[in-house]
């Protein structure tokens, strides 16, 4: 229900990466057919399979805005429910272990290097989660396979930093590859600050702060993250004279 029907709502627990439940619509930007299929299996071995299409918004003859949406599943009365019988789900979409698969139908990337660009985006947004062993990523396209985990995250950050510079992507304002800076702060900070944060005399839980300073640091910037290890935003509007690179993680412990 959360994936297919709800809008601007979430059922995630504290520490999860999302907040408003709108990230699930991001996949529709990559399907030429505006169609996504979902297949899930719970830890109790309950299964579900459902699809959704979101077509372009248009105006009818009376100039009223219309949004065409369609769902694939089991039609019951005026609703469409997920398919929950194993034999009714095509074998290619069946899951054998708990989790959820998302199938983007009609994926036609504009760039032949989409796998490398995807790897860079994964590293930029999730390097800390990978570093903490809560995330591993595999990207495949034909015979090109990229695996990113705790054991090679440092190597991959450096590899794609070279690619970023080689392709002269630094002038692209839509994407800035800052992971190498914050990776340096994480790995070279010997004693990260761990303290409780209080607001209006109420404890908001703990935070961790990795802070790197020194003659080689020329930046003034802090990356903000939640406990899950996903990039939230960067603060760069500091007016103090000292230079530093920081990673702030609201662990909430």
Protein backbone atom coordinates (compact mmCIF):
# COMPACT_ATOMS: atom_id res chain seq x y z
CA UNK A 1 0.00 0.00 0.00
CA UNK A 2 2.82 2.39 0.89
CA UNK A 3 4.54 1.90 -2.47
CA UNK A 4 1.56 1.74 -4.78
CA UNK A 5 -1.23 3.83 -3.30
CA UNK A 6 -0.06 6.30 -0.65
CA UNK A 7 1.28 9.80 -1.36
CA UNK A 8 3.40 12.00 0.93
CA UNK A 9 3.19 9.46 3.73
CA UNK A 10 5.67 7.09 5.29
CA UNK A 11 5.66 4.10 7.61
CA UNK A 12 9.40 4.03 8.25
CA UNK A 13 10.83 3.83 11.74
CA UNK A 14 13.27 6.30 13.30
CA UNK A 15 16.67 6.15 11.67
CA UNK A 16 15.39 5.25 8.22
CA UNK A 17 16.58 7.29 5.28
CA UNK A 18 13.27 8.61 3.98
CA UNK A 19 10.79 10.93 5.62
CA UNK A 20 7.86 12.06 3.46
CA UNK A 21 7.35 8.92 1.39
CA UNK A 22 7.83 10.67 -1.97
CA UNK A 23 11.13 9.02 -2.96
CA UNK A 24 9.23 6.03 -4.32
CA UNK A 25 8.15 8.15 -7.29
CA UNK A 26 11.76 8.73 -8.41
CA UNK A 27 11.76 5.50 -10.45
CA UNK A 28 9.05 6.87 -12.77
CA UNK A 29 11.58 9.37 -14.12
CA UNK A 30 13.48 6.48 -15.71
CA UNK A 31 10.69 4.57 -17.45
CA UNK A 32 9.68 5.55 -20.97
CA UNK A 33 6.40 3.73 -20.36
CA UNK A 34 5.82 5.38 -16.97
CA UNK A 35 5.34 1.89 -15.54
CA UNK A 36 6.90 0.20 -12.51
CA UNK A 37 6.35 -3.32 -11.14
CA UNK A 38 6.87 -4.32 -7.50
CA UNK A 39 7.47 -7.78 -6.11
CA UNK A 40 7.85 -8.36 -2.38
CA UNK A 41 8.30 -11.14 0.17
CA UNK A 42 8.05 -10.57 3.92
CA UNK A 43 9.93 -12.35 6.68
CA UNK A 44 6.71 -14.31 7.29
CA UNK A 45 6.85 -15.50 3.64
CA UNK A 46 3.88 -13.42 2.56
CA UNK A 47 4.24 -12.41 -1.09
CA UNK A 48 2.81 -9.65 -3.23
CA UNK A 49 3.13 -8.52 -6.85
CA UNK A 50 1.66 -5.34 -8.28
CA UNK A 51 2.30 -2.80 -11.02
CA UNK A 52 1.52 0.87 -11.43
CA UNK A 53 1.42 3.28 -14.36
CA UNK A 54 1.39 7.06 -13.97
CA UNK A 55 0.71 8.83 -17.28
CA UNK A 56 1.24 12.50 -18.07
CA UNK A 57 -1.19 14.93 -16.46
CA UNK A 58 -3.56 16.53 -18.98
CA UNK A 59 -6.64 18.76 -19.10
CA UNK A 60 -10.00 17.54 -20.34
CA UNK A 61 -12.54 19.38 -22.51
CA UNK A 62 -13.70 21.39 -19.51
CA UNK A 63 -10.11 22.40 -18.64
CA UNK A 64 -10.07 20.21 -15.53
CA UNK A 65 -6.72 18.68 -14.63
CA UNK A 66 -6.70 14.91 -15.00
CA UNK A 67 -4.09 12.37 -13.89
CA UNK A 68 -4.21 8.96 -15.52
CA UNK A 69 -3.13 6.18 -13.20
CA UNK A 70 -3.47 2.45 -13.71
CA UNK A 71 -2.64 -0.50 -11.47
CA UNK A 72 -1.86 -4.08 -12.43
CA UNK A 73 -3.06 -6.73 -10.03
CA UNK A 74 -6.25 -8.45 -8.91
CA UNK A 75 -9.38 -6.32 -9.56
CA UNK A 76 -11.78 -6.47 -6.62
CA UNK A 77 -14.90 -4.31 -6.93
CA UNK A 78 -13.53 -0.81 -7.68
CA UNK A 79 -10.06 -1.53 -6.29
CA UNK A 80 -6.98 -3.36 -7.60
CA UNK A 81 -5.19 -5.51 -5.01
CA UNK A 82 -1.75 -7.12 -5.25
CA UNK A 83 -1.42 -10.67 -6.50
CA UNK A 84 -0.60 -12.87 -3.51
CA UNK A 85 -0.73 -16.38 -4.99
CA UNK A 86 2.68 -17.70 -6.07
CA UNK A 87 1.37 -19.53 -9.15
CA UNK A 88 -0.26 -16.33 -10.44
CA UNK A 89 3.05 -14.42 -10.38
CA UNK A 90 5.34 -14.91 -13.40
CA UNK A 91 8.40 -16.85 -12.30
CA UNK A 92 10.82 -14.09 -13.32
CA UNK A 93 9.20 -11.76 -10.75
CA UNK A 94 9.11 -14.18 -7.79
CA UNK A 95 11.35 -13.50 -4.80
CA UNK A 96 12.93 -16.34 -2.84
CA UNK A 97 14.00 -14.30 0.17
CA UNK A 98 12.59 -11.33 2.14
CA UNK A 99 12.83 -7.98 0.41
CA UNK A 100 11.38 -5.99 -2.46
CA UNK A 101 12.31 -5.87 -6.15
CA UNK A 102 11.46 -2.81 -8.25
CA UNK A 103 11.24 -3.34 -12.02
CA UNK A 104 11.49 -0.19 -14.14
CA UNK A 105 9.80 -0.96 -17.46
CA UNK A 106 11.13 0.79 -20.56
CA UNK A 107 14.42 1.98 -19.06
CA UNK A 108 16.35 3.81 -21.80
CA UNK A 109 19.36 5.69 -20.39
CA UNK A 110 20.55 8.77 -22.27
CA UNK A 111 24.21 8.08 -21.46
CA UNK A 112 26.16 4.94 -22.39
CA UNK A 113 28.12 5.38 -19.15
CA UNK A 114 24.99 5.14 -17.01
CA UNK A 115 26.41 2.30 -14.85
CA UNK A 116 29.44 4.38 -13.84
CA UNK A 117 27.29 7.43 -13.24
CA UNK A 118 24.95 5.34 -11.10
CA UNK A 119 27.92 4.02 -9.11
CA UNK A 120 29.08 7.59 -8.49
CA UNK A 121 25.61 8.58 -7.27
CA UNK A 122 25.47 5.56 -4.94
CA UNK A 123 28.85 6.47 -3.46
CA UNK A 124 27.99 10.15 -3.16
CA UNK A 125 24.75 9.51 -1.28
CA UNK A 126 25.44 6.28 0.62
CA UNK A 127 29.19 5.91 1.22
CA UNK A 128 28.76 5.99 5.00
CA UNK A 129 26.10 3.25 4.97
CA UNK A 130 28.45 1.13 2.86
CA UNK A 131 31.33 1.92 5.22
CA UNK A 132 29.20 0.75 8.17
CA UNK A 133 28.30 -2.52 6.38
CA UNK A 134 24.58 -1.75 6.25
CA UNK A 135 24.55 -1.56 2.45
CA UNK A 136 26.13 -3.42 -0.46
CA UNK A 137 25.44 -2.51 -4.08
CA UNK A 138 25.73 -4.46 -7.34
CA UNK A 139 25.30 -2.70 -10.68
CA UNK A 140 25.15 -4.75 -13.87
CA UNK A 141 24.77 -3.95 -17.55
CA UNK A 142 25.55 -6.81 -19.94
CA UNK A 143 29.13 -7.85 -19.11
CA UNK A 144 29.82 -4.74 -16.98
CA UNK A 145 29.51 -5.48 -13.26
CA UNK A 146 30.32 -3.06 -10.43
CA UNK A 147 30.29 -4.27 -6.82
CA UNK A 148 30.60 -1.80 -3.94
CA UNK A 149 30.96 -2.86 -0.31
CA UNK A 150 32.85 -2.15 2.91
CA UNK A 151 36.02 -3.78 1.59
CA UNK A 152 36.40 -1.67 -1.54
CA UNK A 153 34.54 1.59 -0.78
CA UNK A 154 37.77 3.58 -0.31
CA UNK A 155 39.18 2.25 -3.58
CA UNK A 156 35.92 3.00 -5.43
CA UNK A 157 35.74 6.55 -4.07
CA UNK A 158 39.24 7.25 -5.43
CA UNK A 159 38.54 5.46 -8.74
CA UNK A 160 35.45 7.56 -9.48
CA UNK A 161 37.17 10.73 -8.32
CA UNK A 162 39.62 10.19 -11.18
CA UNK A 163 36.73 9.49 -13.56
CA UNK A 164 34.93 12.64 -12.35
CA UNK A 165 37.99 14.76 -13.11
CA UNK A 166 38.81 12.99 -16.37
CA UNK A 167 35.30 13.54 -17.75
CA UNK A 168 35.47 17.18 -16.63
CA UNK A 169 32.19 16.91 -14.75
CA UNK A 170 33.14 19.54 -12.19
CA UNK A 171 31.36 22.24 -14.19
CA UNK A 172 28.05 20.35 -13.94
CA UNK A 173 26.05 22.15 -11.24
CA UNK A 174 23.47 19.35 -11.12
CA UNK A 175 25.94 16.87 -9.65
CA UNK A 176 28.93 17.48 -7.42
CA UNK A 177 31.08 14.53 -6.37
CA UNK A 178 32.11 15.47 -2.83
CA UNK A 179 32.42 11.95 -1.38
CA UNK A 180 36.28 12.02 -1.46
CA UNK A 181 36.32 15.07 0.86
CA UNK A 182 34.01 13.53 3.43
CA UNK A 183 35.63 10.12 3.15
CA UNK A 184 38.90 11.77 4.13
CA UNK A 185 37.19 13.36 7.14
CA UNK A 186 35.74 10.01 8.21
CA UNK A 187 38.94 8.01 7.84
CA UNK A 188 41.43 10.60 9.14
CA UNK A 189 39.52 11.84 12.18
CA UNK A 190 41.11 9.92 15.06
CA UNK A 191 38.57 10.78 17.76
CA UNK A 192 35.10 11.69 16.48
CA UNK A 193 32.96 13.75 18.85
CA UNK A 194 30.04 11.82 20.35
CA UNK A 195 27.67 13.91 22.44
CA UNK A 196 24.02 14.32 23.34
CA UNK A 197 22.15 17.20 21.74
CA UNK A 198 19.67 19.22 23.80
CA UNK A 199 17.02 21.52 22.34
CA UNK A 200 14.63 23.53 24.53
CA UNK A 201 15.95 21.55 27.49
CA UNK A 202 14.89 18.28 25.90
CA UNK A 203 17.33 15.57 24.87
CA UNK A 204 17.22 14.90 21.12
CA UNK A 205 19.61 11.95 21.30
CA UNK A 206 23.26 11.57 20.42
CA UNK A 207 25.20 12.77 17.43
CA UNK A 208 28.58 11.93 15.96
CA UNK A 209 30.82 14.57 14.43
CA UNK A 210 33.91 13.79 12.38
CA UNK A 211 35.92 17.00 12.09
CA UNK A 212 39.08 17.34 10.01
CA UNK A 213 41.28 20.43 10.25
CA UNK A 214 44.84 21.22 9.28
CA UNK A 215 47.06 23.04 6.77
CA UNK A 216 45.91 20.75 3.91
CA UNK A 217 42.22 21.53 4.45
CA UNK A 218 40.99 24.41 2.33
CA UNK A 219 37.23 23.89 2.61
CA UNK A 220 34.54 25.03 5.03
CA UNK A 221 31.79 22.45 4.75
CA UNK A 222 29.83 19.89 6.74
CA UNK A 223 27.86 16.92 5.44
CA UNK A 224 24.70 16.09 7.39
CA UNK A 225 23.44 12.52 7.66
CA UNK A 226 20.95 10.47 9.61
CA UNK A 227 21.66 7.21 11.38
CA UNK A 228 20.90 5.20 8.23
CA UNK A 229 23.96 6.75 6.57
CA UNK A 230 22.28 8.57 3.67
CA UNK A 231 23.37 12.03 2.57
CA UNK A 232 20.78 14.63 3.58
CA UNK A 233 22.43 17.96 2.76
CA UNK A 234 25.67 19.93 2.89
CA UNK A 235 26.31 23.13 4.83
CA UNK A 236 28.82 25.44 3.14
CA UNK A 237 27.72 28.90 4.29
CA UNK A 238 30.20 29.30 7.14
CA UNK A 239 31.81 32.72 7.62
CA UNK A 240 34.44 31.82 10.23
CA UNK A 241 38.08 31.95 9.20
CA UNK A 242 39.11 28.41 10.11
CA UNK A 243 38.94 25.76 7.40
CA UNK A 244 37.43 22.36 8.14
CA UNK A 245 35.59 19.37 6.68
CA UNK A 246 32.97 17.75 8.87
CA UNK A 247 30.51 14.86 8.79
CA UNK A 248 27.59 15.23 11.20
CA UNK A 249 25.47 12.13 11.88
CA UNK A 250 22.31 12.35 13.96
CA UNK A 251 22.42 8.83 15.38
CA UNK A 252 19.62 9.48 17.87
CA UNK A 253 20.98 6.90 20.30
